[in-house]
Amino acid sequence: MRLSHVTLFILLSSAVVFSSSCSKDQKEDNQPATEEPLPEITIEDLPADPNTRSPNDGHLIGGTDRFTFFRFSDSSIILSSDSDTRTDSATTKWDIAFRGTDIILNSSISGPGKVEGQIVSSTFEEVTKAPENGHKQDKKTGNVFSNWYHYNDKTHIISPKPGFIFIVHTNDGKYVKMEILSYYKGHPPAADLDFEKDHQRYYTFRYAIQKDGSKSFLKKE
């Protein structure tokens, strides 16, 4: 009789443990997936047809007047401003290009691609989704990303406007958010910039790309 009671107790205890385990597993399975920001990619000192200085008087000497072409999907420079051949500039291999303060997209007047973009007034972290509409292509009347900087006519320093986040819809259908951090080689602090010493036309920027084709700049964990 005692053995029977012990056996019944064990069976009941096992059932409680099994039920508790199933309930816990079911609860964990039903929990919503957490969303984290996409990883940031930082590009440092991308040359945008940089000037040189005269060894005689230090005055700026113009560059080659050529763009540097960039592709977001693999962080590749397709053509640099000093490239000997320009065949890839007439293809869809690039998304965006830089020459001095000029930024162009591979679409319409600037290339055979279909890249679109717009500027969102926000912070990089707060932009978690690309806008549903409002994307544009470059036109003869002006480029999409033509008004991204401040120019100080006293110090001659060029600085990115705060709160200007670039949204790009690439040739391969991916959404990108991008922020320009610096226009000077080495990304020196803004307070330390010196027009006579610092080399300009070198872009440092960060971006995040959603490779699943959606507009979200978050990833599910």
C-alpha atoms as a PDB file:
ATOM      1  CA  MET A   1       0.000   0.000   0.000  1.00  0.00           C
ATOM      2  CA  ARG A   2       2.765   2.374   0.907  1.00  0.00           C
ATOM      3  CA  LEU A   3       4.566   1.595  -2.337  1.00  0.00           C
ATOM      4  CA  SER A   4       1.426   2.438  -4.268  1.00  0.00           C
ATOM      5  CA  HIS A   5       1.211   5.828  -2.571  1.00  0.00           C
ATOM      6  CA  VAL A   6       4.850   6.550  -3.326  1.00  0.00           C
ATOM      7  CA  THR A   7       4.395   5.576  -6.964  1.00  0.00           C
ATOM      8  CA  LEU A   8       1.333   7.825  -7.295  1.00  0.00           C
ATOM      9  CA  PHE A   9       3.239  10.708  -5.718  1.00  0.00           C
ATOM     10  CA  ILE A  10       6.109  10.338  -8.174  1.00  0.00           C
ATOM     11  CA  LEU A  11       3.763  10.239 -11.131  1.00  0.00           C
ATOM     12  CA  LEU A  12       1.923  13.338  -9.984  1.00  0.00           C
ATOM     13  CA  SER A  13       5.173  15.177  -9.327  1.00  0.00           C
ATOM     14  CA  SER A  14       6.456  14.287 -12.802  1.00  0.00           C
ATOM     15  CA  ALA A  15       3.239  15.537 -14.349  1.00  0.00           C
ATOM     16  CA  VAL A  16       3.559  18.870 -12.554  1.00  0.00           C
ATOM     17  CA  VAL A  17       7.173  19.273 -13.645  1.00  0.00           C
ATOM     18  CA  PHE A  18       6.302  18.369 -17.267  1.00  0.00           C
ATOM     19  CA  SER A  19       3.367  20.759 -17.286  1.00  0.00           C
ATOM     20  CA  SER A  20       5.484  23.557 -15.852  1.00  0.00           C
ATOM     21  CA  SER A  21       8.211  22.922 -18.430  1.00  0.00           C
ATOM     22  CA  CYS A  22       5.744  22.974 -21.325  1.00  0.00           C
ATOM     23  CA  SER A  23       4.157  26.161 -20.029  1.00  0.00           C
ATOM     24  CA  LYS A  24       7.588  27.812 -19.767  1.00  0.00           C
ATOM     25  CA  ASP A  25       8.611  26.708 -23.270  1.00  0.00           C
ATOM     26  CA  GLN A  26       5.312  27.878 -24.707  1.00  0.00           C
ATOM     27  CA  LYS A  27       5.722  31.258 -23.017  1.00  0.00           C
ATOM     28  CA  GLU A  28       9.217  31.650 -24.424  1.00  0.00           C
ATOM     29  CA  ASP A  29       8.044  30.661 -27.907  1.00  0.00           C
ATOM     30  CA  ASN A  30       5.260  33.242 -27.797  1.00  0.00           C
ATOM     31  CA  GLN A  31       7.511  36.115 -26.764  1.00  0.00           C
ATOM     32  CA  PRO A  32       7.903  38.705 -29.568  1.00  0.00           C
ATOM     33  CA  ALA A  33      11.294  38.909 -31.220  1.00  0.00           C
ATOM     34  CA  THR A  34      13.406  41.831 -30.058  1.00  0.00           C
ATOM     35  CA  GLU A  35      14.604  44.346 -32.644  1.00  0.00           C
ATOM     36  CA  GLU A  36      18.094  45.787 -32.665  1.00  0.00           C
ATOM     37  CA  PRO A  37      19.659  48.472 -34.890  1.00  0.00           C
ATOM     38  CA  LEU A  38      21.382  47.250 -38.008  1.00  0.00           C
ATOM     39  CA  PRO A  39      25.187  47.250 -37.780  1.00  0.00           C
ATOM     40  CA  GLU A  40      26.853  50.509 -38.737  1.00  0.00           C
ATOM     41  CA  ILE A  41      29.506  50.648 -41.434  1.00  0.00           C
ATOM     42  CA  THR A  42      31.981  53.539 -41.313  1.00  0.00           C
ATOM     43  CA  ILE A  43      33.892  54.682 -44.385  1.00  0.00           C
ATOM     44  CA  GLU A  44      36.909  56.811 -43.561  1.00  0.00           C
ATOM     45  CA  ASP A  45      38.670  59.328 -45.782  1.00  0.00           C
ATOM     46  CA  LEU A  46      36.968  58.507 -49.068  1.00  0.00           C
ATOM     47  CA  PRO A  47      38.795  60.799 -51.532  1.00  0.00           C
ATOM     48  CA  ALA A  48      36.423  63.090 -53.416  1.00  0.00           C
ATOM     49  CA  ASP A  49      38.830  64.595 -55.958  1.00  0.00           C
ATOM     50  CA  PRO A  50      40.976  66.187 -53.244  1.00  0.00           C
ATOM     51  CA  ASN A  51      42.943  69.374 -53.775  1.00  0.00           C
ATOM     52  CA  THR A  52      46.659  69.661 -53.280  1.00  0.00           C
ATOM     53  CA  ARG A  53      48.607  72.689 -52.103  1.00  0.00           C
ATOM     54  CA  SER A  54      51.258  74.541 -54.019  1.00  0.00           C
ATOM     55  CA  PRO A  55      54.723  73.963 -52.527  1.00  0.00           C
ATOM     56  CA  ASN A  56      55.532  77.581 -53.322  1.00  0.00           C
ATOM     57  CA  ASP A  57      52.737  79.581 -51.698  1.00  0.00           C
ATOM     58  CA  GLY A  58      50.440  76.956 -50.165  1.00  0.00           C
ATOM     59  CA  HIS A  59      47.476  77.857 -52.338  1.00  0.00           C
ATOM     60  CA  LEU A  60      45.027  75.121 -53.250  1.00  0.00           C
ATOM     61  CA  ILE A  61      45.479  73.463 -56.612  1.00  0.00           C
ATOM     62  CA  GLY A  62      42.429  71.870 -58.201  1.00  0.00           C
ATOM     63  CA  GLY A  63      41.963  68.139 -58.551  1.00  0.00           C
ATOM     64  CA  THR A  64      41.146  66.063 -61.605  1.00  0.00           C
ATOM     65  CA  ASP A  65      37.472  67.101 -61.707  1.00  0.00           C
ATOM     66  CA  ARG A  66      36.469  63.429 -61.462  1.00  0.00           C
ATOM     67  CA  PHE A  67      34.015  61.708 -59.167  1.00  0.00           C
ATOM     68  CA  THR A  68      34.713  58.799 -56.836  1.00  0.00           C
ATOM     69  CA  PHE A  69      31.990  56.162 -57.293  1.00  0.00           C
ATOM     70  CA  PHE A  70      30.778  54.043 -54.368  1.00  0.00           C
ATOM     71  CA  ARG A  71      28.559  50.965 -53.926  1.00  0.00           C
ATOM     72  CA  PHE A  72      26.759  50.414 -50.608  1.00  0.00           C
ATOM     73  CA  SER A  73      26.139  46.657 -50.824  1.00  0.00           C
ATOM     74  CA  ASP A  74      29.805  45.758 -50.289  1.00  0.00           C
ATOM     75  CA  SER A  75      31.367  49.121 -49.327  1.00  0.00           C
ATOM     76  CA  SER A  76      33.293  49.205 -52.599  1.00  0.00           C
ATOM     77  CA  ILE A  77      34.896  52.124 -54.369  1.00  0.00           C
ATOM     78  CA  ILE A  78      34.070  51.359 -57.993  1.00  0.00           C
ATOM     79  CA  LEU A  79      36.133  54.169 -59.450  1.00  0.00           C
ATOM     80  CA  SER A  80      38.441  56.582 -57.709  1.00  0.00           C
ATOM     81  CA  SER A  81      38.991  60.155 -58.838  1.00  0.00           C
ATOM     82  CA  ASP A  82      42.454  59.232 -60.143  1.00  0.00           C
ATOM     83  CA  SER A  83      41.352  56.169 -62.140  1.00  0.00           C
ATOM     84  CA  ASP A  84      42.724  55.957 -65.643  1.00  0.00           C
ATOM     85  CA  THR A  85      39.624  54.390 -67.154  1.00  0.00           C
ATOM     86  CA  ARG A  86      36.030  55.513 -66.619  1.00  0.00           C
ATOM     87  CA  THR A  87      34.127  52.618 -68.217  1.00  0.00           C
ATOM     88  CA  ASP A  88      32.315  51.608 -65.016  1.00  0.00           C
ATOM     89  CA  SER A  89      30.903  55.107 -64.526  1.00  0.00           C
ATOM     90  CA  ALA A  90      28.335  54.344 -67.245  1.00  0.00           C
ATOM     91  CA  THR A  91      27.060  51.185 -65.523  1.00  0.00           C
ATOM     92  CA  THR A  92      24.804  50.318 -62.580  1.00  0.00           C
ATOM     93  CA  LYS A  93      27.759  49.064 -60.525  1.00  0.00           C
ATOM     94  CA  TRP A  94      27.705  52.198 -58.346  1.00  0.00           C
ATOM     95  CA  ASP A  95      25.044  53.927 -56.236  1.00  0.00           C
ATOM     96  CA  ILE A  96      26.504  57.272 -55.191  1.00  0.00           C
ATOM     97  CA  ALA A  97      29.499  59.402 -56.182  1.00  0.00           C
ATOM     98  CA  PHE A  98      31.477  62.259 -54.614  1.00  0.00           C
ATOM     99  CA  ARG A  99      33.491  65.146 -56.080  1.00  0.00           C
ATOM    100  CA  GLY A 100      34.273  68.012 -53.771  1.00  0.00           C
ATOM    101  CA  THR A 101      30.980  68.965 -52.143  1.00  0.00           C
ATOM    102  CA  ASP A 102      29.022  67.521 -55.081  1.00  0.00           C
ATOM    103  CA  ILE A 103      27.156  64.273 -54.422  1.00  0.00           C
ATOM    104  CA  ILE A 104      25.321  62.492 -57.231  1.00  0.00           C
ATOM    105  CA  LEU A 105      23.122  59.414 -57.476  1.00  0.00           C
ATOM    106  CA  ASN A 106      23.246  56.809 -60.219  1.00  0.00           C
ATOM    107  CA  SER A 107      19.993  57.714 -61.925  1.00  0.00           C
ATOM    108  CA  SER A 108      18.452  60.024 -64.451  1.00  0.00           C
ATOM    109  CA  ILE A 109      21.037  62.654 -65.477  1.00  0.00           C
ATOM    110  CA  SER A 110      23.893  61.155 -63.442  1.00  0.00           C
ATOM    111  CA  GLY A 111      23.930  57.536 -64.604  1.00  0.00           C
ATOM    112  CA  PRO A 112      21.954  54.635 -66.084  1.00  0.00           C
ATOM    113  CA  GLY A 113      20.764  53.330 -62.709  1.00  0.00           C
ATOM    114  CA  LYS A 114      17.547  53.817 -60.755  1.00  0.00           C
ATOM    115  CA  VAL A 115      18.879  55.104 -57.424  1.00  0.00           C
ATOM    116  CA  GLU A 116      16.601  57.438 -55.478  1.00  0.00           C
ATOM    117  CA  GLY A 117      17.071  59.357 -52.258  1.00  0.00           C
ATOM    118  CA  GLN A 118      15.925  62.021 -49.847  1.00  0.00           C
ATOM    119  CA  ILE A 119      17.125  63.814 -46.722  1.00  0.00           C
ATOM    120  CA  VAL A 120      15.386  63.184 -43.403  1.00  0.00           C
ATOM    121  CA  SER A 121      15.703  65.670 -40.549  1.00  0.00           C
ATOM    122  CA  SER A 122      16.498  63.465 -37.568  1.00  0.00           C
ATOM    123  CA  THR A 123      19.377  61.651 -35.918  1.00  0.00           C
ATOM    124  CA  PHE A 124      21.019  58.530 -37.286  1.00  0.00           C
ATOM    125  CA  GLU A 125      19.805  56.411 -34.365  1.00  0.00           C
ATOM    126  CA  GLU A 126      16.218  57.671 -34.509  1.00  0.00           C
ATOM    127  CA  VAL A 127      15.732  56.811 -38.170  1.00  0.00           C
ATOM    128  CA  THR A 128      14.484  53.237 -37.875  1.00  0.00           C
ATOM    129  CA  LYS A 129      12.586  53.077 -41.155  1.00  0.00           C
ATOM    130  CA  ALA A 130      12.859  54.600 -44.615  1.00  0.00           C
ATOM    131  CA  PRO A 131       9.955  56.893 -45.568  1.00  0.00           C
ATOM    132  CA  GLU A 132       7.145  55.346 -47.581  1.00  0.00           C
ATOM    133  CA  ASN A 133       7.422  58.031 -50.269  1.00  0.00           C
ATOM    134  CA  GLY A 134       9.279  61.208 -51.162  1.00  0.00           C
ATOM    135  CA  HIS A 135      12.301  59.618 -52.850  1.00  0.00           C
ATOM    136  CA  LYS A 136      13.688  61.572 -55.801  1.00  0.00           C
ATOM    137  CA  GLN A 137      16.305  61.307 -58.515  1.00  0.00           C
ATOM    138  CA  ASP A 138      18.858  63.914 -59.552  1.00  0.00           C
ATOM    139  CA  LYS A 139      17.582  66.440 -62.091  1.00  0.00           C
ATOM    140  CA  LYS A 140      19.088  69.178 -64.222  1.00  0.00           C
ATOM    141  CA  THR A 141      17.593  71.685 -61.787  1.00  0.00           C
ATOM    142  CA  GLY A 142      19.515  70.184 -58.869  1.00  0.00           C
ATOM    143  CA  ASN A 143      20.772  67.058 -57.176  1.00  0.00           C
ATOM    144  CA  VAL A 144      18.928  65.332 -54.340  1.00  0.00           C
ATOM    145  CA  PHE A 145      21.866  65.743 -51.949  1.00  0.00           C
ATOM    146  CA  SER A 146      22.964  69.248 -52.915  1.00  0.00           C
ATOM    147  CA  ASN A 147      22.416  71.129 -49.664  1.00  0.00           C
ATOM    148  CA  TRP A 148      24.093  68.973 -47.024  1.00  0.00           C
ATOM    149  CA  TYR A 149      26.732  71.341 -45.613  1.00  0.00           C
ATOM    150  CA  HIS A 150      27.446  74.711 -44.016  1.00  0.00           C
ATOM    151  CA  TYR A 151      30.208  76.959 -45.360  1.00  0.00           C
ATOM    152  CA  ASN A 152      31.826  79.448 -43.012  1.00  0.00           C
ATOM    153  CA  ASP A 153      32.931  82.399 -45.124  1.00  0.00           C
ATOM    154  CA  LYS A 154      35.307  83.580 -42.375  1.00  0.00           C
ATOM    155  CA  THR A 155      37.155  80.344 -41.661  1.00  0.00           C
ATOM    156  CA  HIS A 156      36.367  78.714 -45.057  1.00  0.00           C
ATOM    157  CA  ILE A 157      35.462  75.538 -43.202  1.00  0.00           C
ATOM    158  CA  ILE A 158      32.849  73.161 -44.616  1.00  0.00           C
ATOM    159  CA  SER A 159      30.853  71.188 -42.063  1.00  0.00           C
ATOM    160  CA  PRO A 160      27.943  68.726 -42.400  1.00  0.00           C
ATOM    161  CA  LYS A 161      24.581  70.090 -41.322  1.00  0.00           C
ATOM    162  CA  PRO A 162      23.448  68.393 -38.111  1.00  0.00           C
ATOM    163  CA  GLY A 163      20.334  66.268 -38.340  1.00  0.00           C
ATOM    164  CA  PHE A 164      20.718  65.565 -42.067  1.00  0.00           C
ATOM    165  CA  ILE A 165      20.270  61.840 -42.639  1.00  0.00           C
ATOM    166  CA  PHE A 166      20.509  60.579 -46.220  1.00  0.00           C
ATOM    167  CA  ILE A 167      18.089  57.862 -47.281  1.00  0.00           C
ATOM    168  CA  VAL A 168      19.139  55.970 -50.410  1.00  0.00           C
ATOM    169  CA  HIS A 169      17.256  53.323 -52.386  1.00  0.00           C
ATOM    170  CA  THR A 170      20.046  51.523 -54.225  1.00  0.00           C
ATOM    171  CA  ASN A 171      20.280  49.958 -57.659  1.00  0.00           C
ATOM    172  CA  ASP A 172      19.781  46.495 -56.187  1.00  0.00           C
ATOM    173  CA  GLY A 173      16.665  47.517 -54.259  1.00  0.00           C
ATOM    174  CA  LYS A 174      18.167  47.952 -50.785  1.00  0.00           C
ATOM    175  CA  TYR A 175      17.474  50.823 -48.380  1.00  0.00           C
ATOM    176  CA  VAL A 176      20.356  52.719 -46.792  1.00  0.00           C
ATOM    177  CA  LYS A 177      20.553  55.414 -44.152  1.00  0.00           C
ATOM    178  CA  MET A 178      23.730  57.472 -44.174  1.00  0.00           C
ATOM    179  CA  GLU A 179      25.279  60.343 -42.222  1.00  0.00           C
ATOM    180  CA  ILE A 180      28.279  62.427 -43.263  1.00  0.00           C
ATOM    181  CA  LEU A 181      30.629  62.899 -40.323  1.00  0.00           C
ATOM    182  CA  SER A 182      33.496  64.872 -41.815  1.00  0.00           C
ATOM    183  CA  TYR A 183      34.819  66.474 -45.004  1.00  0.00           C
ATOM    184  CA  TYR A 184      38.451  66.519 -43.871  1.00  0.00           C
ATOM    185  CA  LYS A 185      41.152  63.866 -43.874  1.00  0.00           C
ATOM    186  CA  GLY A 186      41.484  62.078 -40.562  1.00  0.00           C
ATOM    187  CA  HIS A 187      38.107  63.326 -39.306  1.00  0.00           C
ATOM    188  CA  PRO A 188      39.592  66.014 -37.005  1.00  0.00           C
ATOM    189  CA  PRO A 189      37.368  67.564 -34.318  1.00  0.00           C
ATOM    190  CA  ALA A 190      35.320  70.452 -35.687  1.00  0.00           C
ATOM    191  CA  ALA A 191      36.824  72.891 -33.183  1.00  0.00           C
ATOM    192  CA  ASP A 192      40.349  72.053 -34.373  1.00  0.00           C
ATOM    193  CA  LEU A 193      39.782  72.412 -38.116  1.00  0.00           C
ATOM    194  CA  ASP A 194      42.207  74.715 -39.900  1.00  0.00           C
ATOM    195  CA  PHE A 195      41.658  75.618 -43.547  1.00  0.00           C
ATOM    196  CA  GLU A 196      45.371  76.229 -44.058  1.00  0.00           C
ATOM    197  CA  LYS A 197      46.452  72.850 -42.674  1.00  0.00           C
ATOM    198  CA  ASP A 198      43.693  70.269 -42.945  1.00  0.00           C
ATOM    199  CA  HIS A 199      43.189  68.401 -46.206  1.00  0.00           C
ATOM    200  CA  GLN A 200      39.622  68.712 -47.460  1.00  0.00           C
ATOM    201  CA  ARG A 201      37.523  66.628 -49.875  1.00  0.00           C
ATOM    202  CA  TYR A 202      37.896  63.460 -47.825  1.00  0.00           C
ATOM    203  CA  TYR A 203      34.550  62.065 -46.707  1.00  0.00           C
ATOM    204  CA  THR A 204      34.047  60.120 -43.530  1.00  0.00           C
ATOM    205  CA  PHE A 205      30.512  58.786 -43.246  1.00  0.00           C
ATOM    206  CA  ARG A 206      28.563  55.989 -41.609  1.00  0.00           C
ATOM    207  CA  TYR A 207      25.691  54.011 -42.980  1.00  0.00           C
ATOM    208  CA  ALA A 208      23.425  51.045 -42.353  1.00  0.00           C
ATOM    209  CA  ILE A 209      21.947  48.907 -45.116  1.00  0.00           C
ATOM    210  CA  GLN A 210      18.879  46.661 -44.900  1.00  0.00           C
ATOM    211  CA  LYS A 211      19.743  43.753 -47.156  1.00  0.00           C
ATOM    212  CA  ASP A 212      16.361  42.014 -46.949  1.00  0.00           C
ATOM    213  CA  GLY A 213      14.791  44.698 -49.147  1.00  0.00           C
ATOM    214  CA  SER A 214      12.484  46.098 -46.472  1.00  0.00           C
ATOM    215  CA  LYS A 215      12.402  49.724 -45.326  1.00  0.00           C
ATOM    216  CA  SER A 216      13.271  48.826 -41.740  1.00  0.00           C
ATOM    217  CA  PHE A 217      16.659  49.708 -40.305  1.00  0.00           C
ATOM    218  CA  LEU A 218      16.185  47.220 -37.474  1.00  0.00           C
ATOM    219  CA  LYS A 219      17.050  43.543 -37.332  1.00  0.00           C
ATOM    220  CA  LYS A 220      15.076  40.906 -35.445  1.00  0.00           C
ATOM    221  CA  GLU A 221      16.857  38.898 -32.790  1.00  0.00           C
END
